[in-house]
Amino acid sequence: MFSVRYKGARPTLVLTGGTVVPSVITVVDGDGNTIAEYEARPAVKRITSRLLPDDQNDLACATPDCKPISLTR
């Protein structure tokens, strides 16, 4: 089942009671005419500071040559 949840002014589709998501979502008007189609793509993984280890030395290589990087500004 799909429902719409708003985060501020931005609508978000919420899927409950299933294990798959359709690859295309069709939008229709009140008369049933197709007015838009949205194609699904994988979500971008977002990294937040909550996902970082307490000791940043525990991080794996961030660059191909394993040069250290700074996670602070």
PDB file of N, CA and C in Angstrom:
ATOM      1  N   MET A   1       0.844  -1.168   0.000  1.00  0.00           N
ATOM      2  CA  MET A   1       0.000   0.000   0.000  1.00  0.00           C
ATOM      3  C   MET A   1       0.897   1.242   0.000  1.00  0.00           C
ATOM      4  N   PHE A   2       0.556   2.199  -0.831  1.00  0.00           N
ATOM      5  CA  PHE A   2       1.261   3.471  -0.881  1.00  0.00           C
ATOM      6  C   PHE A   2       0.481   4.519  -0.100  1.00  0.00           C
ATOM      7  N   SER A   3       1.203   5.386   0.551  1.00  0.00           N
ATOM      8  CA  SER A   3       0.598   6.578   1.142  1.00  0.00           C
ATOM      9  C   SER A   3       1.576   7.723   0.916  1.00  0.00           C
ATOM     10  N   VAL A   4       1.105   8.934   1.114  1.00  0.00           N
ATOM     11  CA  VAL A   4       1.944  10.116   0.925  1.00  0.00           C
ATOM     12  C   VAL A   4       2.161  10.774   2.277  1.00  0.00           C
ATOM     13  N   ARG A   5       3.412  11.037   2.585  1.00  0.00           N
ATOM     14  CA  ARG A   5       3.775  11.746   3.815  1.00  0.00           C
ATOM     15  C   ARG A   5       4.527  12.998   3.389  1.00  0.00           C
ATOM     16  N   TYR A   6       4.214  14.095   4.014  1.00  0.00           N
ATOM     17  CA  TYR A   6       4.875  15.353   3.674  1.00  0.00           C
ATOM     18  C   TYR A   6       5.958  15.666   4.690  1.00  0.00           C
ATOM     19  N   LYS A   7       7.146  15.986   4.177  1.00  0.00           N
ATOM     20  CA  LYS A   7       8.251  16.487   4.998  1.00  0.00           C
ATOM     21  C   LYS A   7       8.394  17.954   4.617  1.00  0.00           C
ATOM     22  N   GLY A   8       7.777  18.812   5.403  1.00  0.00           N
ATOM     23  CA  GLY A   8       7.678  20.215   5.011  1.00  0.00           C
ATOM     24  C   GLY A   8       6.737  20.286   3.822  1.00  0.00           C
ATOM     25  N   ALA A   9       7.176  20.871   2.728  1.00  0.00           N
ATOM     26  CA  ALA A   9       6.351  20.953   1.525  1.00  0.00           C
ATOM     27  C   ALA A   9       6.666  19.839   0.533  1.00  0.00           C
ATOM     28  N   ARG A  10       7.553  18.915   0.907  1.00  0.00           N
ATOM     29  CA  ARG A  10       8.007  17.877  -0.021  1.00  0.00           C
ATOM     30  C   ARG A  10       7.276  16.560   0.229  1.00  0.00           C
ATOM     31  N   PRO A  11       6.526  16.068  -0.776  1.00  0.00           N
ATOM     32  CA  PRO A  11       5.827  14.799  -0.590  1.00  0.00           C
ATOM     33  C   PRO A  11       6.789  13.614  -0.686  1.00  0.00           C
ATOM     34  N   THR A  12       6.548  12.603   0.134  1.00  0.00           N
ATOM     35  CA  THR A  12       7.337  11.381   0.124  1.00  0.00           C
ATOM     36  C   THR A  12       6.381  10.203   0.060  1.00  0.00           C
ATOM     37  N   LEU A  13       6.642   9.261  -0.836  1.00  0.00           N
ATOM     38  CA  LEU A  13       5.813   8.061  -0.904  1.00  0.00           C
ATOM     39  C   LEU A  13       6.273   7.085   0.166  1.00  0.00           C
ATOM     40  N   VAL A  14       5.313   6.485   0.852  1.00  0.00           N
ATOM     41  CA  VAL A  14       5.607   5.512   1.896  1.00  0.00           C
ATOM     42  C   VAL A  14       4.986   4.189   1.476  1.00  0.00           C
ATOM     43  N   LEU A  15       5.777   3.133   1.431  1.00  0.00           N
ATOM     44  CA  LEU A  15       5.306   1.805   1.053  1.00  0.00           C
ATOM     45  C   LEU A  15       5.224   0.948   2.299  1.00  0.00           C
ATOM     46  N   THR A  16       4.070   0.330   2.524  1.00  0.00           N
ATOM     47  CA  THR A  16       3.902  -0.569   3.666  1.00  0.00           C
ATOM     48  C   THR A  16       3.277  -1.869   3.181  1.00  0.00           C
ATOM     49  N   GLY A  17       3.567  -2.940   3.889  1.00  0.00           N
ATOM     50  CA  GLY A  17       2.933  -4.221   3.594  1.00  0.00           C
ATOM     51  C   GLY A  17       3.429  -4.899   2.342  1.00  0.00           C
ATOM     52  N   GLY A  18       4.694  -4.781   2.017  1.00  0.00           N
ATOM     53  CA  GLY A  18       5.220  -5.448   0.835  1.00  0.00           C
ATOM     54  C   GLY A  18       6.720  -5.590   0.896  1.00  0.00           C
ATOM     55  N   THR A  19       7.255  -6.290  -0.090  1.00  0.00           N
ATOM     56  CA  THR A  19       8.702  -6.498  -0.130  1.00  0.00           C
ATOM     57  C   THR A  19       9.329  -5.968  -1.412  1.00  0.00           C
ATOM     58  N   VAL A  20       8.526  -5.443  -2.334  1.00  0.00           N
ATOM     59  CA  VAL A  20       9.052  -4.898  -3.582  1.00  0.00           C
ATOM     60  C   VAL A  20       8.448  -3.525  -3.829  1.00  0.00           C
ATOM     61  N   VAL A  21       9.127  -2.756  -4.679  1.00  0.00           N
ATOM     62  CA  VAL A  21       8.666  -1.426  -5.061  1.00  0.00           C
ATOM     63  C   VAL A  21       8.544  -1.422  -6.579  1.00  0.00           C
ATOM     64  N   PRO A  22       7.449  -0.879  -7.127  1.00  0.00           N
ATOM     65  CA  PRO A  22       7.332  -0.832  -8.588  1.00  0.00           C
ATOM     66  C   PRO A  22       8.414   0.059  -9.194  1.00  0.00           C
ATOM     67  N   SER A  23       8.855  -0.313 -10.398  1.00  0.00           N
ATOM     68  CA  SER A  23       9.905   0.474 -11.036  1.00  0.00           C
ATOM     69  C   SER A  23       9.358   1.743 -11.681  1.00  0.00           C
ATOM     70  N   VAL A  24       8.062   1.775 -11.989  1.00  0.00           N
ATOM     71  CA  VAL A  24       7.430   2.966 -12.555  1.00  0.00           C
ATOM     72  C   VAL A  24       6.149   3.238 -11.778  1.00  0.00           C
ATOM     73  N   ILE A  25       5.956   4.485 -11.383  1.00  0.00           N
ATOM     74  CA  ILE A  25       4.737   4.907 -10.699  1.00  0.00           C
ATOM     75  C   ILE A  25       4.010   5.866 -11.635  1.00  0.00           C
ATOM     76  N   THR A  26       2.774   5.522 -11.969  1.00  0.00           N
ATOM     77  CA  THR A  26       1.966   6.328 -12.875  1.00  0.00           C
ATOM     78  C   THR A  26       1.059   7.247 -12.069  1.00  0.00           C
ATOM     79  N   VAL A  27       0.989   8.510 -12.490  1.00  0.00           N
ATOM     80  CA  VAL A  27       0.130   9.501 -11.843  1.00  0.00           C
ATOM     81  C   VAL A  27      -1.031   9.784 -12.778  1.00  0.00           C
ATOM     82  N   VAL A  28      -2.260   9.716 -12.245  1.00  0.00           N
ATOM     83  CA  VAL A  28      -3.448   9.991 -13.055  1.00  0.00           C
ATOM     84  C   VAL A  28      -4.234  11.138 -12.446  1.00  0.00           C
ATOM     85  N   ASP A  29      -5.018  11.807 -13.296  1.00  0.00           N
ATOM     86  CA  ASP A  29      -5.889  12.868 -12.797  1.00  0.00           C
ATOM     87  C   ASP A  29      -7.221  12.262 -12.352  1.00  0.00           C
ATOM     88  N   GLY A  30      -8.153  13.104 -11.959  1.00  0.00           N
ATOM     89  CA  GLY A  30      -9.440  12.631 -11.461  1.00  0.00           C
ATOM     90  C   GLY A  30     -10.246  11.829 -12.462  1.00  0.00           C
ATOM     91  N   ASP A  31      -9.982  12.015 -13.763  1.00  0.00           N
ATOM     92  CA  ASP A  31     -10.689  11.268 -14.810  1.00  0.00           C
ATOM     93  C   ASP A  31      -9.966   9.983 -15.194  1.00  0.00           C
ATOM     94  N   GLY A  32      -8.818   9.706 -14.567  1.00  0.00           N
ATOM     95  CA  GLY A  32      -8.058   8.495 -14.872  1.00  0.00           C
ATOM     96  C   GLY A  32      -7.072   8.648 -16.002  1.00  0.00           C
ATOM     97  N   ASN A  33      -6.881   9.860 -16.492  1.00  0.00           N
ATOM     98  CA  ASN A  33      -5.904  10.111 -17.560  1.00  0.00           C
ATOM     99  C   ASN A  33      -4.498  10.173 -16.983  1.00  0.00           C
ATOM    100  N   THR A  34      -3.569   9.491 -17.625  1.00  0.00           N
ATOM    101  CA  THR A  34      -2.173   9.525 -17.188  1.00  0.00           C
ATOM    102  C   THR A  34      -1.607  10.918 -17.428  1.00  0.00           C
ATOM    103  N   ILE A  35      -1.061  11.511 -16.368  1.00  0.00           N
ATOM    104  CA  ILE A  35      -0.471  12.848 -16.507  1.00  0.00           C
ATOM    105  C   ILE A  35       1.032  12.858 -16.232  1.00  0.00           C
ATOM    106  N   ALA A  36       1.538  11.783 -15.615  1.00  0.00           N
ATOM    107  CA  ALA A  36       2.978  11.709 -15.351  1.00  0.00           C
ATOM    108  C   ALA A  36       3.349  10.276 -15.003  1.00  0.00           C
ATOM    109  N   GLU A  37       4.617   9.969 -15.185  1.00  0.00           N
ATOM    110  CA  GLU A  37       5.182   8.696 -14.740  1.00  0.00           C
ATOM    111  C   GLU A  37       6.527   8.985 -14.099  1.00  0.00           C
ATOM    112  N   TYR A  38       6.773   8.341 -12.988  1.00  0.00           N
ATOM    113  CA  TYR A  38       8.040   8.480 -12.278  1.00  0.00           C
ATOM    114  C   TYR A  38       8.747   7.139 -12.283  1.00  0.00           C
ATOM    115  N   GLU A  39      10.008   7.149 -12.677  1.00  0.00           N
ATOM    116  CA  GLU A  39      10.800   5.924 -12.720  1.00  0.00           C
ATOM    117  C   GLU A  39      11.677   5.846 -11.483  1.00  0.00           C
ATOM    118  N   ALA A  40      11.652   4.692 -10.832  1.00  0.00           N
ATOM    119  CA  ALA A  40      12.431   4.500  -9.607  1.00  0.00           C
ATOM    120  C   ALA A  40      13.913   4.341  -9.937  1.00  0.00           C
ATOM    121  N   ARG A  41      14.750   4.760  -9.006  1.00  0.00           N
ATOM    122  CA  ARG A  41      16.193   4.545  -9.076  1.00  0.00           C
ATOM    123  C   ARG A  41      16.649   4.241  -7.662  1.00  0.00           C
ATOM    124  N   PRO A  42      17.781   3.583  -7.504  1.00  0.00           N
ATOM    125  CA  PRO A  42      18.255   3.301  -6.148  1.00  0.00           C
ATOM    126  C   PRO A  42      18.486   4.590  -5.362  1.00  0.00           C
ATOM    127  N   ALA A  43      18.152   4.563  -4.109  1.00  0.00           N
ATOM    128  CA  ALA A  43      18.370   5.727  -3.251  1.00  0.00           C
ATOM    129  C   ALA A  43      19.859   5.937  -3.030  1.00  0.00           C
ATOM    130  N   VAL A  44      20.241   7.188  -2.917  1.00  0.00           N
ATOM    131  CA  VAL A  44      21.627   7.541  -2.627  1.00  0.00           C
ATOM    132  C   VAL A  44      21.865   7.292  -1.143  1.00  0.00           C
ATOM    133  N   LYS A  45      22.956   6.572  -0.837  1.00  0.00           N
ATOM    134  CA  LYS A  45      23.276   6.334   0.557  1.00  0.00           C
ATOM    135  C   LYS A  45      23.821   7.623   1.160  1.00  0.00           C
ATOM    136  N   ARG A  46      23.197   8.076   2.200  1.00  0.00           N
ATOM    137  CA  ARG A  46      23.619   9.314   2.847  1.00  0.00           C
ATOM    138  C   ARG A  46      24.456   8.986   4.079  1.00  0.00           C
ATOM    139  N   ILE A  47      25.597   9.625   4.185  1.00  0.00           N
ATOM    140  CA  ILE A  47      26.486   9.395   5.319  1.00  0.00           C
ATOM    141  C   ILE A  47      26.329  10.554   6.288  1.00  0.00           C
ATOM    142  N   THR A  48      26.057  10.233   7.516  1.00  0.00           N
ATOM    143  CA  THR A  48      25.954  11.259   8.545  1.00  0.00           C
ATOM    144  C   THR A  48      26.995  10.982   9.614  1.00  0.00           C
ATOM    145  N   SER A  49      27.231  11.948  10.453  1.00  0.00           N
ATOM    146  CA  SER A  49      28.234  11.781  11.506  1.00  0.00           C
ATOM    147  C   SER A  49      27.840  10.643  12.444  1.00  0.00           C
ATOM    148  N   ARG A  50      26.553  10.297  12.523  1.00  0.00           N
ATOM    149  CA  ARG A  50      26.139   9.194  13.393  1.00  0.00           C
ATOM    150  C   ARG A  50      26.675   7.855  12.904  1.00  0.00           C
ATOM    151  N   LEU A  51      27.033   7.771  11.603  1.00  0.00           N
ATOM    152  CA  LEU A  51      27.532   6.528  11.052  1.00  0.00           C
ATOM    153  C   LEU A  51      29.043   6.386  11.196  1.00  0.00           C
ATOM    154  N   LEU A  52      29.721   7.445  11.590  1.00  0.00           N
ATOM    155  CA  LEU A  52      31.168   7.384  11.719  1.00  0.00           C
ATOM    156  C   LEU A  52      31.554   6.716  13.033  1.00  0.00           C
ATOM    157  N   PRO A  53      32.636   5.945  13.039  1.00  0.00           N
ATOM    158  CA  PRO A  53      33.083   5.346  14.290  1.00  0.00           C
ATOM    159  C   PRO A  53      33.596   6.415  15.255  1.00  0.00           C
ATOM    160  N   ASP A  54      33.566   6.113  16.543  1.00  0.00           N
ATOM    161  CA  ASP A  54      34.084   7.051  17.538  1.00  0.00           C
ATOM    162  C   ASP A  54      35.541   7.387  17.253  1.00  0.00           C
ATOM    163  N   ASP A  55      36.315   6.379  16.881  1.00  0.00           N
ATOM    164  CA  ASP A  55      37.718   6.578  16.548  1.00  0.00           C
ATOM    165  C   ASP A  55      37.839   6.565  15.028  1.00  0.00           C
ATOM    166  N   GLN A  56      38.089   7.723  14.422  1.00  0.00           N
ATOM    167  CA  GLN A  56      38.141   7.786  12.969  1.00  0.00           C
ATOM    168  C   GLN A  56      39.319   7.017  12.393  1.00  0.00           C
ATOM    169  N   ASN A  57      40.241   6.558  13.220  1.00  0.00           N
ATOM    170  CA  ASN A  57      41.332   5.711  12.727  1.00  0.00           C
ATOM    171  C   ASN A  57      40.811   4.322  12.357  1.00  0.00           C
ATOM    172  N   ASP A  58      39.587   3.983  12.779  1.00  0.00           N
ATOM    173  CA  ASP A  58      38.998   2.691  12.437  1.00  0.00           C
ATOM    174  C   ASP A  58      38.390   2.684  11.042  1.00  0.00           C
ATOM    175  N   LEU A  59      38.402   3.830  10.352  1.00  0.00           N
ATOM    176  CA  LEU A  59      37.830   3.894   9.013  1.00  0.00           C
ATOM    177  C   LEU A  59      38.683   3.107   8.033  1.00  0.00           C
ATOM    178  N   ALA A  60      38.033   2.492   7.048  1.00  0.00           N
ATOM    179  CA  ALA A  60      38.761   1.806   5.980  1.00  0.00           C
ATOM    180  C   ALA A  60      39.312   2.865   5.025  1.00  0.00           C
ATOM    181  N   CYS A  61      40.073   2.433   4.048  1.00  0.00           N
ATOM    182  CA  CYS A  61      40.658   3.358   3.075  1.00  0.00           C
ATOM    183  C   CYS A  61      39.567   4.126   2.360  1.00  0.00           C
ATOM    184  N   ALA A  62      39.730   5.424   2.294  1.00  0.00           N
ATOM    185  CA  ALA A  62      38.738   6.265   1.633  1.00  0.00           C
ATOM    186  C   ALA A  62      39.143   6.581   0.200  1.00  0.00           C
ATOM    187  N   THR A  63      40.405   6.425  -0.113  1.00  0.00           N
ATOM    188  CA  THR A  63      40.894   6.691  -1.462  1.00  0.00           C
ATOM    189  C   THR A  63      41.633   5.453  -1.948  1.00  0.00           C
ATOM    190  N   PRO A  64      41.744   5.262  -3.263  1.00  0.00           N
ATOM    191  CA  PRO A  64      42.402   4.057  -3.787  1.00  0.00           C
ATOM    192  C   PRO A  64      43.826   3.851  -3.269  1.00  0.00           C
ATOM    193  N   ASP A  65      44.554   4.937  -3.026  1.00  0.00           N
ATOM    194  CA  ASP A  65      45.930   4.788  -2.549  1.00  0.00           C
ATOM    195  C   ASP A  65      46.025   4.851  -1.020  1.00  0.00           C
ATOM    196  N   CYS A  66      44.904   4.847  -0.337  1.00  0.00           N
ATOM    197  CA  CYS A  66      44.826   4.842   1.119  1.00  0.00           C
ATOM    198  C   CYS A  66      45.462   6.063   1.779  1.00  0.00           C
ATOM    199  N   LYS A  67      45.443   7.191   1.092  1.00  0.00           N
ATOM    200  CA  LYS A  67      45.919   8.415   1.725  1.00  0.00           C
ATOM    201  C   LYS A  67      44.905   8.838   2.771  1.00  0.00           C
ATOM    202  N   PRO A  68      45.353   9.323   3.916  1.00  0.00           N
ATOM    203  CA  PRO A  68      44.408   9.742   4.939  1.00  0.00           C
ATOM    204  C   PRO A  68      43.609  10.970   4.493  1.00  0.00           C
ATOM    205  N   ILE A  69      42.390  11.038   4.955  1.00  0.00           N
ATOM    206  CA  ILE A  69      41.552  12.193   4.674  1.00  0.00           C
ATOM    207  C   ILE A  69      41.091  12.787   5.989  1.00  0.00           C
ATOM    208  N   SER A  70      40.679  14.019   5.950  1.00  0.00           N
ATOM    209  CA  SER A  70      40.156  14.674   7.141  1.00  0.00           C
ATOM    210  C   SER A  70      38.643  14.724   7.028  1.00  0.00           C
ATOM    211  N   LEU A  71      37.947  14.374   8.098  1.00  0.00           N
ATOM    212  CA  LEU A  71      36.499  14.421   8.101  1.00  0.00           C
ATOM    213  C   LEU A  71      35.973  15.674   8.790  1.00  0.00           C
ATOM    214  N   THR A  72      36.878  16.585   9.081  1.00  0.00           N
ATOM    215  CA  THR A  72      36.478  17.857   9.691  1.00  0.00           C
ATOM    216  C   THR A  72      36.840  18.984   8.742  1.00  0.00           C
ATOM    217  N   ARG A  73      36.263  20.141   8.967  1.00  0.00           N
ATOM    218  CA  ARG A  73      36.575  21.282   8.105  1.00  0.00           C
ATOM    219  C   ARG A  73      37.728  22.055   8.656  1.00  0.00           C
TER     220      ARG A  73
END
